[in-house]
C-alpha atoms as a PDB file:
ATOM      1  CA  UNK A   1     150.420  12.868  52.695  1.00  0.00           C
ATOM      2  CA  UNK A   2     147.998  10.103  53.680  1.00  0.00           C
ATOM      3  CA  UNK A   3     149.232   7.925  56.542  1.00  0.00           C
ATOM      4  CA  UNK A   4     147.981   4.662  55.024  1.00  0.00           C
ATOM      5  CA  UNK A   5     147.143   5.163  51.320  1.00  0.00           C
ATOM      6  CA  UNK A   6     145.119   2.580  49.407  1.00  0.00           C
ATOM      7  CA  UNK A   7     147.150  -0.364  48.093  1.00  0.00           C
ATOM      8  CA  UNK A   8     144.838  -3.019  46.581  1.00  0.00           C
ATOM      9  CA  UNK A   9     146.835  -5.995  45.403  1.00  0.00           C
ATOM     10  CA  UNK A  10     145.165  -6.145  42.001  1.00  0.00           C
ATOM     11  CA  UNK A  11     146.256  -2.577  41.224  1.00  0.00           C
ATOM     12  CA  UNK A  12     149.969  -3.316  41.479  1.00  0.00           C
ATOM     13  CA  UNK A  13     150.256  -7.093  41.142  1.00  0.00           C
ATOM     14  CA  UNK A  14     152.439  -6.935  38.011  1.00  0.00           C
ATOM     15  CA  UNK A  15     154.735  -4.305  39.522  1.00  0.00           C
ATOM     16  CA  UNK A  16     154.903  -6.238  42.804  1.00  0.00           C
ATOM     17  CA  UNK A  17     155.869  -9.477  41.042  1.00  0.00           C
ATOM     18  CA  UNK A  18     158.623  -7.703  39.114  1.00  0.00           C
ATOM     19  CA  UNK A  19     160.032  -5.794  42.061  1.00  0.00           C
ATOM     20  CA  UNK A  20     159.807  -8.865  44.319  1.00  0.00           C
ATOM     21  CA  UNK A  21     162.212 -10.595  41.939  1.00  0.00           C
ATOM     22  CA  UNK A  22     164.501  -7.553  41.853  1.00  0.00           C
ATOM     23  CA  UNK A  23     164.532  -7.741  45.656  1.00  0.00           C
ATOM     24  CA  UNK A  24     165.284 -11.460  45.662  1.00  0.00           C
ATOM     25  CA  UNK A  25     168.276 -10.998  43.355  1.00  0.00           C
ATOM     26  CA  UNK A  26     169.768  -8.325  45.625  1.00  0.00           C
ATOM     27  CA  UNK A  27     168.756 -10.281  48.722  1.00  0.00           C
ATOM     28  CA  UNK A  28     170.548 -13.387  47.516  1.00  0.00           C
ATOM     29  CA  UNK A  29     173.690 -11.298  47.135  1.00  0.00           C
ATOM     30  CA  UNK A  30     173.208 -10.128  50.712  1.00  0.00           C
ATOM     31  CA  UNK A  31     172.789 -13.753  51.803  1.00  0.00           C
ATOM     32  CA  UNK A  32     175.967 -14.989  50.153  1.00  0.00           C
ATOM     33  CA  UNK A  33     178.386 -12.242  51.257  1.00  0.00           C
ATOM     34  CA  UNK A  34     177.157 -11.315  54.754  1.00  0.00           C
ATOM     35  CA  UNK A  35     178.133 -12.734  58.127  1.00  0.00           C
ATOM     36  CA  UNK A  36     175.629 -15.295  59.343  1.00  0.00           C
ATOM     37  CA  UNK A  37     173.542 -14.191  62.323  1.00  0.00           C
ATOM     38  CA  UNK A  38     171.072 -16.046  64.520  1.00  0.00           C
ATOM     39  CA  UNK A  39     167.592 -16.515  63.040  1.00  0.00           C
ATOM     40  CA  UNK A  40     168.782 -15.180  59.639  1.00  0.00           C
ATOM     41  CA  UNK A  41     169.007 -11.609  60.917  1.00  0.00           C
ATOM     42  CA  UNK A  42     171.769 -10.906  58.413  1.00  0.00           C
ATOM     43  CA  UNK A  43     169.501 -11.557  55.444  1.00  0.00           C
ATOM     44  CA  UNK A  44     166.602  -9.014  55.394  1.00  0.00           C
ATOM     45  CA  UNK A  45     166.557  -5.451  54.142  1.00  0.00           C
ATOM     46  CA  UNK A  46     166.126  -2.379  56.335  1.00  0.00           C
ATOM     47  CA  UNK A  47     164.285   0.856  55.581  1.00  0.00           C
ATOM     48  CA  UNK A  48     166.113   4.072  54.733  1.00  0.00           C
ATOM     49  CA  UNK A  49     164.965   7.636  54.182  1.00  0.00           C
ATOM     50  CA  UNK A  50     164.734   6.905  50.454  1.00  0.00           C
ATOM     51  CA  UNK A  51     163.969   3.201  50.152  1.00  0.00           C
ATOM     52  CA  UNK A  52     165.638  -0.055  51.176  1.00  0.00           C
ATOM     53  CA  UNK A  53     169.190  -1.065  52.018  1.00  0.00           C
ATOM     54  CA  UNK A  54     171.150  -4.283  52.280  1.00  0.00           C
ATOM     55  CA  UNK A  55     173.415  -2.564  54.826  1.00  0.00           C
ATOM     56  CA  UNK A  56     177.203  -2.852  54.336  1.00  0.00           C
ATOM     57  CA  UNK A  57     178.384  -6.340  53.406  1.00  0.00           C
ATOM     58  CA  UNK A  58     181.495  -8.103  52.163  1.00  0.00           C
ATOM     59  CA  UNK A  59     184.835  -6.739  53.314  1.00  0.00           C
ATOM     60  CA  UNK A  60     187.434  -8.500  55.472  1.00  0.00           C
ATOM     61  CA  UNK A  61     189.531  -9.229  52.396  1.00  0.00           C
ATOM     62  CA  UNK A  62     186.996 -11.499  50.677  1.00  0.00           C
ATOM     63  CA  UNK A  63     184.967  -8.984  48.679  1.00  0.00           C
ATOM     64  CA  UNK A  64     185.193  -5.189  48.661  1.00  0.00           C
ATOM     65  CA  UNK A  65     182.964  -3.816  51.412  1.00  0.00           C
ATOM     66  CA  UNK A  66     179.873  -2.510  49.640  1.00  0.00           C
ATOM     67  CA  UNK A  67     176.212  -1.665  50.076  1.00  0.00           C
ATOM     68  CA  UNK A  68     173.254  -1.892  47.700  1.00  0.00           C
ATOM     69  CA  UNK A  69     170.347   0.512  48.107  1.00  0.00           C
ATOM     70  CA  UNK A  70     167.002   0.688  46.370  1.00  0.00           C
ATOM     71  CA  UNK A  71     166.349   4.414  46.006  1.00  0.00           C
ATOM     72  CA  UNK A  72     162.562   4.347  45.668  1.00  0.00           C
ATOM     73  CA  UNK A  73     162.286   8.112  45.336  1.00  0.00           C
ATOM     74  CA  UNK A  74     164.497   8.321  42.221  1.00  0.00           C
ATOM     75  CA  UNK A  75     163.858   4.658  41.305  1.00  0.00           C
ATOM     76  CA  UNK A  76     167.493   3.789  40.926  1.00  0.00           C
ATOM     77  CA  UNK A  77     169.615   0.958  42.272  1.00  0.00           C
ATOM     78  CA  UNK A  78     172.676   2.405  43.981  1.00  0.00           C
ATOM     79  CA  UNK A  79     175.894   0.538  44.820  1.00  0.00           C
ATOM     80  CA  UNK A  80     178.399   2.205  47.154  1.00  0.00           C
ATOM     81  CA  UNK A  81     181.887   0.841  47.872  1.00  0.00           C
ATOM     82  CA  UNK A  82     184.016   1.580  50.942  1.00  0.00           C
ATOM     83  CA  UNK A  83     186.723   3.244  48.839  1.00  0.00           C
ATOM     84  CA  UNK A  84     184.277   5.944  47.744  1.00  0.00           C
ATOM     85  CA  UNK A  85     183.318   4.573  44.344  1.00  0.00           C
ATOM     86  CA  UNK A  86     179.633   4.477  43.476  1.00  0.00           C
ATOM     87  CA  UNK A  87     177.489   3.313  40.583  1.00  0.00           C
ATOM     88  CA  UNK A  88     173.770   3.357  39.911  1.00  0.00           C
ATOM     89  CA  UNK A  89     171.165   2.665  37.255  1.00  0.00           C
ATOM     90  CA  UNK A  90     167.441   3.189  36.713  1.00  0.00           C
ATOM     91  CA  UNK A  91     165.097   0.291  37.444  1.00  0.00           C
ATOM     92  CA  UNK A  92     162.262   1.673  35.314  1.00  0.00           C
ATOM     93  CA  UNK A  93     161.550  -0.375  32.215  1.00  0.00           C
ATOM     94  CA  UNK A  94     163.814  -3.301  33.089  1.00  0.00           C
ATOM     95  CA  UNK A  95     162.778  -6.924  32.934  1.00  0.00           C
ATOM     96  CA  UNK A  96     164.040  -9.256  35.650  1.00  0.00           C
ATOM     97  CA  UNK A  97     166.614 -10.641  33.211  1.00  0.00           C
ATOM     98  CA  UNK A  98     167.806  -7.146  32.276  1.00  0.00           C
ATOM     99  CA  UNK A  99     167.942  -6.089  35.930  1.00  0.00           C
ATOM    100  CA  UNK A 100     170.109  -9.064  36.888  1.00  0.00           C
ATOM    101  CA  UNK A 101     172.434  -8.555  33.920  1.00  0.00           C
ATOM    102  CA  UNK A 102     172.819  -4.841  34.629  1.00  0.00           C
ATOM    103  CA  UNK A 103     173.379  -5.416  38.344  1.00  0.00           C
ATOM    104  CA  UNK A 104     176.063  -8.077  37.971  1.00  0.00           C
ATOM    105  CA  UNK A 105     177.875  -6.134  35.259  1.00  0.00           C
ATOM    106  CA  UNK A 106     177.862  -3.038  37.474  1.00  0.00           C
ATOM    107  CA  UNK A 107     179.175  -5.063  40.411  1.00  0.00           C
ATOM    108  CA  UNK A 108     181.899  -6.594  38.258  1.00  0.00           C
ATOM    109  CA  UNK A 109     182.969  -3.137  37.109  1.00  0.00           C
ATOM    110  CA  UNK A 110     183.459  -2.324  40.806  1.00  0.00           C
ATOM    111  CA  UNK A 111     185.485  -5.496  41.407  1.00  0.00           C
ATOM    112  CA  UNK A 112     182.627  -7.324  43.156  1.00  0.00           C
ATOM    113  CA  UNK A 113     181.783 -10.831  41.939  1.00  0.00           C
ATOM    114  CA  UNK A 114     179.245 -12.587  44.178  1.00  0.00           C
ATOM    115  CA  UNK A 115     177.760 -15.936  43.210  1.00  0.00           C
ATOM    116  CA  UNK A 116     174.076 -16.675  43.848  1.00  0.00           C
ATOM    117  CA  UNK A 117     171.523 -19.386  43.136  1.00  0.00           C
ATOM    118  CA  UNK A 118     169.764 -17.260  40.518  1.00  0.00           C
ATOM    119  CA  UNK A 119     166.220 -18.642  40.633  1.00  0.00           C
ATOM    120  CA  UNK A 120     163.194 -17.319  42.561  1.00  0.00           C
ATOM    121  CA  UNK A 121     162.648 -18.548  46.100  1.00  0.00           C
ATOM    122  CA  UNK A 122     159.163 -19.829  47.011  1.00  0.00           C
ATOM    123  CA  UNK A 123     157.380 -18.088  44.129  1.00  0.00           C
ATOM    124  CA  UNK A 124     154.867 -19.657  41.742  1.00  0.00           C
ATOM    125  CA  UNK A 125     157.029 -18.968  38.691  1.00  0.00           C
ATOM    126  CA  UNK A 126     160.482 -20.559  39.008  1.00  0.00           C
ATOM    127  CA  UNK A 127     161.891 -19.128  35.776  1.00  0.00           C
ATOM    128  CA  UNK A 128     165.607 -18.411  36.324  1.00  0.00           C
ATOM    129  CA  UNK A 129     166.197 -14.692  36.695  1.00  0.00           C
ATOM    130  CA  UNK A 130     168.476 -14.595  33.641  1.00  0.00           C
ATOM    131  CA  UNK A 131     165.637 -15.939  31.461  1.00  0.00           C
ATOM    132  CA  UNK A 132     162.777 -13.913  32.927  1.00  0.00           C
ATOM    133  CA  UNK A 133     161.712 -11.306  30.394  1.00  0.00           C
ATOM    134  CA  UNK A 134     157.999 -11.649  31.260  1.00  0.00           C
ATOM    135  CA  UNK A 135     158.208  -9.739  34.561  1.00  0.00           C
ATOM    136  CA  UNK A 136     159.050  -6.248  33.355  1.00  0.00           C
ATOM    137  CA  UNK A 137     156.463  -3.943  34.900  1.00  0.00           C
ATOM    138  CA  UNK A 138     157.678  -1.182  37.229  1.00  0.00           C
ATOM    139  CA  UNK A 139     155.216   1.568  38.164  1.00  0.00           C
ATOM    140  CA  UNK A 140     157.202   4.301  39.965  1.00  0.00           C
ATOM    141  CA  UNK A 141     154.141   5.789  41.670  1.00  0.00           C
ATOM    142  CA  UNK A 142     153.050   2.482  43.171  1.00  0.00           C
ATOM    143  CA  UNK A 143     156.581   1.447  44.144  1.00  0.00           C
ATOM    144  CA  UNK A 144     156.992   4.744  45.979  1.00  0.00           C
ATOM    145  CA  UNK A 145     153.652   4.167  47.716  1.00  0.00           C
ATOM    146  CA  UNK A 146     154.762   0.658  48.732  1.00  0.00           C
ATOM    147  CA  UNK A 147     157.877   2.157  50.338  1.00  0.00           C
ATOM    148  CA  UNK A 148     155.899   4.887  52.122  1.00  0.00           C
ATOM    149  CA  UNK A 149     153.515   2.286  53.590  1.00  0.00           C
ATOM    150  CA  UNK A 150     156.485   0.135  54.638  1.00  0.00           C
ATOM    151  CA  UNK A 151     158.054   3.142  56.360  1.00  0.00           C
ATOM    152  CA  UNK A 152     154.948   3.907  58.417  1.00  0.00           C
ATOM    153  CA  UNK A 153     154.424   0.239  59.281  1.00  0.00           C
ATOM    154  CA  UNK A 154     158.062  -0.061  60.363  1.00  0.00           C
ATOM    155  CA  UNK A 155     157.544   2.770  62.843  1.00  0.00           C
ATOM    156  CA  UNK A 156     154.393   1.102  64.168  1.00  0.00           C
ATOM    157  CA  UNK A 157     156.163  -2.220  64.656  1.00  0.00           C
ATOM    158  CA  UNK A 158     159.059  -0.457  66.335  1.00  0.00           C
ATOM    159  CA  UNK A 159     156.696   1.315  68.723  1.00  0.00           C
ATOM    160  CA  UNK A 160     154.952  -1.973  69.548  1.00  0.00           C
ATOM    161  CA  UNK A 161     158.257  -3.783  70.177  1.00  0.00           C
ATOM    162  CA  UNK A 162     159.501  -0.989  72.453  1.00  0.00           C
ATOM    163  CA  UNK A 163     157.281  -2.247  75.276  1.00  0.00           C
ATOM    164  CA  UNK A 164     159.027  -5.643  75.358  1.00  0.00           C
ATOM    165  CA  UNK A 165     162.198  -5.936  77.424  1.00  0.00           C
ATOM    166  CA  UNK A 166     163.380  -9.315  76.185  1.00  0.00           C
ATOM    167  CA  UNK A 167     165.246 -10.254  73.034  1.00  0.00           C
ATOM    168  CA  UNK A 168     163.679  -8.477  70.056  1.00  0.00           C
ATOM    169  CA  UNK A 169     164.676  -8.549  66.412  1.00  0.00           C
ATOM    170  CA  UNK A 170     165.143  -5.369  64.414  1.00  0.00           C
ATOM    171  CA  UNK A 171     162.231  -4.507  62.138  1.00  0.00           C
ATOM    172  CA  UNK A 172     163.049  -6.583  59.067  1.00  0.00           C
ATOM    173  CA  UNK A 173     161.785  -6.454  55.495  1.00  0.00           C
ATOM    174  CA  UNK A 174     162.071 -10.018  54.242  1.00  0.00           C
ATOM    175  CA  UNK A 175     162.822 -10.126  50.522  1.00  0.00           C
ATOM    176  CA  UNK A 176     161.875 -13.789  50.136  1.00  0.00           C
ATOM    177  CA  UNK A 177     158.320 -13.441  51.512  1.00  0.00           C
ATOM    178  CA  UNK A 178     157.941  -9.690  50.843  1.00  0.00           C
ATOM    179  CA  UNK A 179     156.631  -8.878  54.311  1.00  0.00           C
ATOM    180  CA  UNK A 180     157.901  -6.705  57.150  1.00  0.00           C
ATOM    181  CA  UNK A 181     158.060  -8.019  60.711  1.00  0.00           C
ATOM    182  CA  UNK A 182     159.432  -7.755  64.210  1.00  0.00           C
ATOM    183  CA  UNK A 183     159.905 -10.811  66.436  1.00  0.00           C
ATOM    184  CA  UNK A 184     159.749 -11.077  70.229  1.00  0.00           C
ATOM    185  CA  UNK A 185     161.590 -14.008  71.826  1.00  0.00           C
ATOM    186  CA  UNK A 186     160.310 -15.639  75.007  1.00  0.00           C
ATOM    187  CA  UNK A 187     163.801 -16.904  75.868  1.00  0.00           C
ATOM    188  CA  UNK A 188     162.844 -20.568  75.582  1.00  0.00           C
ATOM    189  CA  UNK A 189     164.100 -23.160  73.123  1.00  0.00           C
ATOM    190  CA  UNK A 190     161.633 -24.697  70.694  1.00  0.00           C
ATOM    191  CA  UNK A 191     161.544 -28.213  69.310  1.00  0.00           C
ATOM    192  CA  UNK A 192     162.062 -28.091  65.537  1.00  0.00           C
ATOM    193  CA  UNK A 193     161.906 -31.359  63.561  1.00  0.00           C
ATOM    194  CA  UNK A 194     165.224 -32.326  62.031  1.00  0.00           C
ATOM    195  CA  UNK A 195     163.461 -33.007  58.729  1.00  0.00           C
ATOM    196  CA  UNK A 196     162.279 -29.393  58.508  1.00  0.00           C
ATOM    197  CA  UNK A 197     164.092 -27.242  55.946  1.00  0.00           C
ATOM    198  CA  UNK A 198     167.150 -25.301  57.206  1.00  0.00           C
ATOM    199  CA  UNK A 199     165.419 -21.931  56.822  1.00  0.00           C
ATOM    200  CA  UNK A 200     162.644 -23.023  59.179  1.00  0.00           C
ATOM    201  CA  UNK A 201     164.979 -24.750  61.636  1.00  0.00           C
ATOM    202  CA  UNK A 202     167.060 -21.596  62.132  1.00  0.00           C
ATOM    203  CA  UNK A 203     164.098 -19.202  62.154  1.00  0.00           C
ATOM    204  CA  UNK A 204     162.106 -21.128  64.752  1.00  0.00           C
ATOM    205  CA  UNK A 205     164.721 -22.713  67.016  1.00  0.00           C
ATOM    206  CA  UNK A 206     163.378 -20.457  69.796  1.00  0.00           C
ATOM    207  CA  UNK A 207     159.828 -19.742  70.928  1.00  0.00           C
ATOM    208  CA  UNK A 208     158.599 -16.489  69.376  1.00  0.00           C
ATOM    209  CA  UNK A 209     155.700 -14.104  69.091  1.00  0.00           C
ATOM    210  CA  UNK A 210     155.989 -12.284  65.795  1.00  0.00           C
ATOM    211  CA  UNK A 211     154.118  -9.300  64.368  1.00  0.00           C
ATOM    212  CA  UNK A 212     154.164  -7.900  60.883  1.00  0.00           C
ATOM    213  CA  UNK A 213     152.488  -6.767  57.689  1.00  0.00           C
ATOM    214  CA  UNK A 214     152.187  -8.206  54.202  1.00  0.00           C
ATOM    215  CA  UNK A 215     150.865  -6.747  50.950  1.00  0.00           C
ATOM    216  CA  UNK A 216     148.742  -9.726  49.934  1.00  0.00           C
ATOM    217  CA  UNK A 217     149.215 -12.773  47.730  1.00  0.00           C
ATOM    218  CA  UNK A 218     147.139 -15.258  45.756  1.00  0.00           C
ATOM    219  CA  UNK A 219     146.041 -17.058  48.916  1.00  0.00           C
ATOM    220  CA  UNK A 220     145.002 -13.858  50.721  1.00  0.00           C
ATOM    221  CA  UNK A 221     144.656 -11.139  48.069  1.00  0.00           C
ATOM    222  CA  UNK A 222     144.567  -8.158  50.426  1.00  0.00           C
ATOM    223  CA  UNK A 223     147.148  -6.336  52.562  1.00  0.00           C
ATOM    224  CA  UNK A 224     146.969  -6.943  56.311  1.00  0.00           C
ATOM    225  CA  UNK A 225     148.697  -6.713  59.663  1.00  0.00           C
ATOM    226  CA  UNK A 226     149.351 -10.078  61.284  1.00  0.00           C
ATOM    227  CA  UNK A 227     150.719 -11.849  64.347  1.00  0.00           C
ATOM    228  CA  UNK A 228     151.492 -15.442  65.261  1.00  0.00           C
ATOM    229  CA  UNK A 229     153.039 -17.466  68.065  1.00  0.00           C
ATOM    230  CA  UNK A 230     155.462 -20.283  67.216  1.00  0.00           C
ATOM    231  CA  UNK A 231     155.343 -23.023  68.218  1.00  0.00           C
ATOM    232  CA  UNK A 232     151.616 -22.408  68.395  1.00  0.00           C
ATOM    233  CA  UNK A 233     150.094 -23.258  71.802  1.00  0.00           C
ATOM    234  CA  UNK A 234     146.831 -25.181  71.865  1.00  0.00           C
ATOM    235  CA  UNK A 235     143.763 -22.972  71.825  1.00  0.00           C
ATOM    236  CA  UNK A 236     145.464 -19.840  70.493  1.00  0.00           C
ATOM    237  CA  UNK A 237     142.766 -19.310  67.859  1.00  0.00           C
ATOM    238  CA  UNK A 238     140.121 -19.083  70.595  1.00  0.00           C
ATOM    239  CA  UNK A 239     141.767 -16.145  72.375  1.00  0.00           C
ATOM    240  CA  UNK A 240     140.091 -12.732  71.957  1.00  0.00           C
ATOM    241  CA  UNK A 241     141.496 -10.155  69.556  1.00  0.00           C
ATOM    242  CA  UNK A 242     140.973  -6.403  69.302  1.00  0.00           C
ATOM    243  CA  UNK A 243     139.571  -4.446  67.550  1.00  0.00           C
ATOM    244  CA  UNK A 244     136.446  -6.330  66.547  1.00  0.00           C
ATOM    245  CA  UNK A 245     137.499  -6.510  62.891  1.00  0.00           C
ATOM    246  CA  UNK A 246     140.509  -8.690  63.788  1.00  0.00           C
ATOM    247  CA  UNK A 247     140.242 -12.449  63.298  1.00  0.00           C
ATOM    248  CA  UNK A 248     142.175 -15.703  63.485  1.00  0.00           C
ATOM    249  CA  UNK A 249     142.764 -17.397  60.141  1.00  0.00           C
ATOM    250  CA  UNK A 250     144.185 -20.883  59.490  1.00  0.00           C
ATOM    251  CA  UNK A 251     147.658 -20.836  57.933  1.00  0.00           C
ATOM    252  CA  UNK A 252     149.663 -23.943  57.028  1.00  0.00           C
ATOM    253  CA  UNK A 253     148.524 -25.964  59.994  1.00  0.00           C
ATOM    254  CA  UNK A 254     148.566 -23.087  62.497  1.00  0.00           C
ATOM    255  CA  UNK A 255     146.809 -19.730  62.860  1.00  0.00           C
ATOM    256  CA  UNK A 256     147.444 -16.076  62.089  1.00  0.00           C
ATOM    257  CA  UNK A 257     145.881 -13.162  63.890  1.00  0.00           C
ATOM    258  CA  UNK A 258     144.894 -10.826  61.048  1.00  0.00           C
ATOM    259  CA  UNK A 259     143.684  -7.234  60.817  1.00  0.00           C
ATOM    260  CA  UNK A 260     143.042  -6.141  57.263  1.00  0.00           C
ATOM    261  CA  UNK A 261     144.719  -2.971  56.051  1.00  0.00           C
ATOM    262  CA  UNK A 262     141.543  -1.568  54.483  1.00  0.00           C
ATOM    263  CA  UNK A 263     139.709  -1.955  57.801  1.00  0.00           C
ATOM    264  CA  UNK A 264     142.510  -0.012  59.496  1.00  0.00           C
ATOM    265  CA  UNK A 265     142.295   2.746  56.894  1.00  0.00           C
ATOM    266  CA  UNK A 266     138.622   3.273  57.781  1.00  0.00           C
ATOM    267  CA  UNK A 267     139.253   3.575  61.531  1.00  0.00           C
ATOM    268  CA  UNK A 268     139.262   6.892  63.358  1.00  0.00           C
ATOM    269  CA  UNK A 269     142.695   6.298  64.905  1.00  0.00           C
ATOM    270  CA  UNK A 270     144.518   3.752  62.714  1.00  0.00           C
ATOM    271  CA  UNK A 271     147.759   3.886  64.716  1.00  0.00           C
ATOM    272  CA  UNK A 272     146.020   3.158  68.022  1.00  0.00           C
ATOM    273  CA  UNK A 273     143.921   0.442  66.369  1.00  0.00           C
ATOM    274  CA  UNK A 274     146.945  -1.410  64.981  1.00  0.00           C
ATOM    275  CA  UNK A 275     148.778  -1.170  68.303  1.00  0.00           C
ATOM    276  CA  UNK A 276     145.664  -2.485  70.065  1.00  0.00           C
ATOM    277  CA  UNK A 277     145.565  -5.407  67.635  1.00  0.00           C
ATOM    278  CA  UNK A 278     149.247  -6.260  68.020  1.00  0.00           C
ATOM    279  CA  UNK A 279     149.021  -6.039  71.797  1.00  0.00           C
ATOM    280  CA  UNK A 280     145.962  -8.300  71.928  1.00  0.00           C
ATOM    281  CA  UNK A 281     147.693 -10.922  69.771  1.00  0.00           C
ATOM    282  CA  UNK A 282     150.804 -10.672  71.932  1.00  0.00           C
ATOM    283  CA  UNK A 283     148.733 -11.110  75.084  1.00  0.00           C
ATOM    284  CA  UNK A 284     147.068 -14.194  73.577  1.00  0.00           C
ATOM    285  CA  UNK A 285     150.419 -15.826  72.842  1.00  0.00           C
ATOM    286  CA  UNK A 286     151.949 -14.713  76.128  1.00  0.00           C
ATOM    287  CA  UNK A 287     149.061 -16.129  78.139  1.00  0.00           C
ATOM    288  CA  UNK A 288     149.175 -19.582  76.566  1.00  0.00           C
ATOM    289  CA  UNK A 289     152.978 -19.855  76.632  1.00  0.00           C
ATOM    290  CA  UNK A 290     152.957 -18.774  80.303  1.00  0.00           C
ATOM    291  CA  UNK A 291     155.213 -15.824  79.591  1.00  0.00           C
ATOM    292  CA  UNK A 292     156.035 -13.552  82.538  1.00  0.00           C
ATOM    293  CA  UNK A 293     154.564 -10.431  80.959  1.00  0.00           C
ATOM    294  CA  UNK A 294     155.309  -8.150  83.904  1.00  0.00           C
ATOM    295  CA  UNK A 295     158.942  -9.238  84.103  1.00  0.00           C
ATOM    296  CA  UNK A 296     159.427  -8.549  80.400  1.00  0.00           C
ATOM    297  CA  UNK A 297     157.477  -5.291  80.340  1.00  0.00           C
ATOM    298  CA  UNK A 298     159.410  -2.281  79.099  1.00  0.00           C
ATOM    299  CA  UNK A 299     156.847   0.541  78.788  1.00  0.00           C
ATOM    300  CA  UNK A 300     157.917   3.119  76.269  1.00  0.00           C
ATOM    301  CA  UNK A 301     161.249   1.370  75.756  1.00  0.00           C
ATOM    302  CA  UNK A 302     162.480   2.240  79.254  1.00  0.00           C
ATOM    303  CA  UNK A 303     164.192  -0.225  81.604  1.00  0.00           C
ATOM    304  CA  UNK A 304     165.898   2.365  83.848  1.00  0.00           C
ATOM    305  CA  UNK A 305     164.152   1.779  87.231  1.00  0.00           C
ATOM    306  CA  UNK A 306     165.174   5.177  88.590  1.00  0.00           C
ATOM    307  CA  UNK A 307     163.783   7.016  85.595  1.00  0.00           C
ATOM    308  CA  UNK A 308     160.546   5.053  85.806  1.00  0.00           C
ATOM    309  CA  UNK A 309     160.247   5.745  89.523  1.00  0.00           C
ATOM    310  CA  UNK A 310     160.975   9.472  89.306  1.00  0.00           C
ATOM    311  CA  UNK A 311     159.650  10.516  85.911  1.00  0.00           C
ATOM    312  CA  UNK A 312     156.979  13.234  85.852  1.00  0.00           C
ATOM    313  CA  UNK A 313     153.379  12.054  85.878  1.00  0.00           C
END
C-alpha cells in the first residue's frame, strides 16, 4: 500500500464537497452537545482504525451518551449509545439533504435530539443542508484514500509534535476547514481584536505555531503540508525553509509555509522530508518569537531526565 497515494483535487472535488458537508452536519452535532474546551478542542474529529470519530458526547442527563463514527472502510455512518444500542446506514448514493434526514431520524429513533444551525460553515455554497440535493457524489475508493492519507499524515504530525515539551494540541481533523493539524503553544497570551469573530478569538488567544495538511481548495487547488505562526512575527516570510521545494505563500494578510504533497511524493524519503519541513517552519517561528527552544525540547517525546541521561547510545 503506497504511503502517500496520488490525490489531485480535480479527481475528487465532487466527492470532497459532498463529504465535507456530511462532516459539517456531524461536526455541528459534536459542537452542540460536547463540553466546551479551550481553543475549540472539543469540536474536531479524531482518526480511528476505520475512519473518523466524534468521540463520546452528550451524557450527564442532558442527552444519551453517544458517539458517531464515519466507517470509511465499509462507508457507513455508525451511531453507538452507552446503553449498547447501535444503528448505522450507508453513505453511498446519498445527497446532503438525504444524509441529514437519515441521520436525524436515526438519532431520534435512539432518543437523541440535537439541534444545529443546519447550513454550511465558510463554504461557497450556503444552501441549507435540508435543501441540498446537488451535492450527492460519494466515491468509496477516493473517500477511503482520503482517510488513508489522513491516517499517515496524523502519524507524521504526532511524531513532529513529540519533540515539543510545552502545551500541544491533539492531532485534530477540523470538519469546518477540512484540514488536519497539530498546534504548539508558546505559553504566551496573544492580543486578539475584540471585533474578531468568536471562532478566531478563542482559537488564537494564545501565541501558537501550528502545522498541518489540507487537501486543496479553489484558492490553492493542490494538497499540501503547511505551517504558520500566529500572531505572525515581522519577517517570518524571509526565514529559510527546507527542503528547497518549500515556500512561503501569502494567506489572508499573513504567510503560510507550504510544501506541496506532490513534491513530497517524488522525494526519496517523504517522511524525513516532511519532518524536515515542519521543523524548519517551527524554527522560523520560534526564532522570531524568541521561544526558548532548548527549554521546550522533548526529543522523542521524552522528558524523563534520568532516562535521557542513562539511555543506551
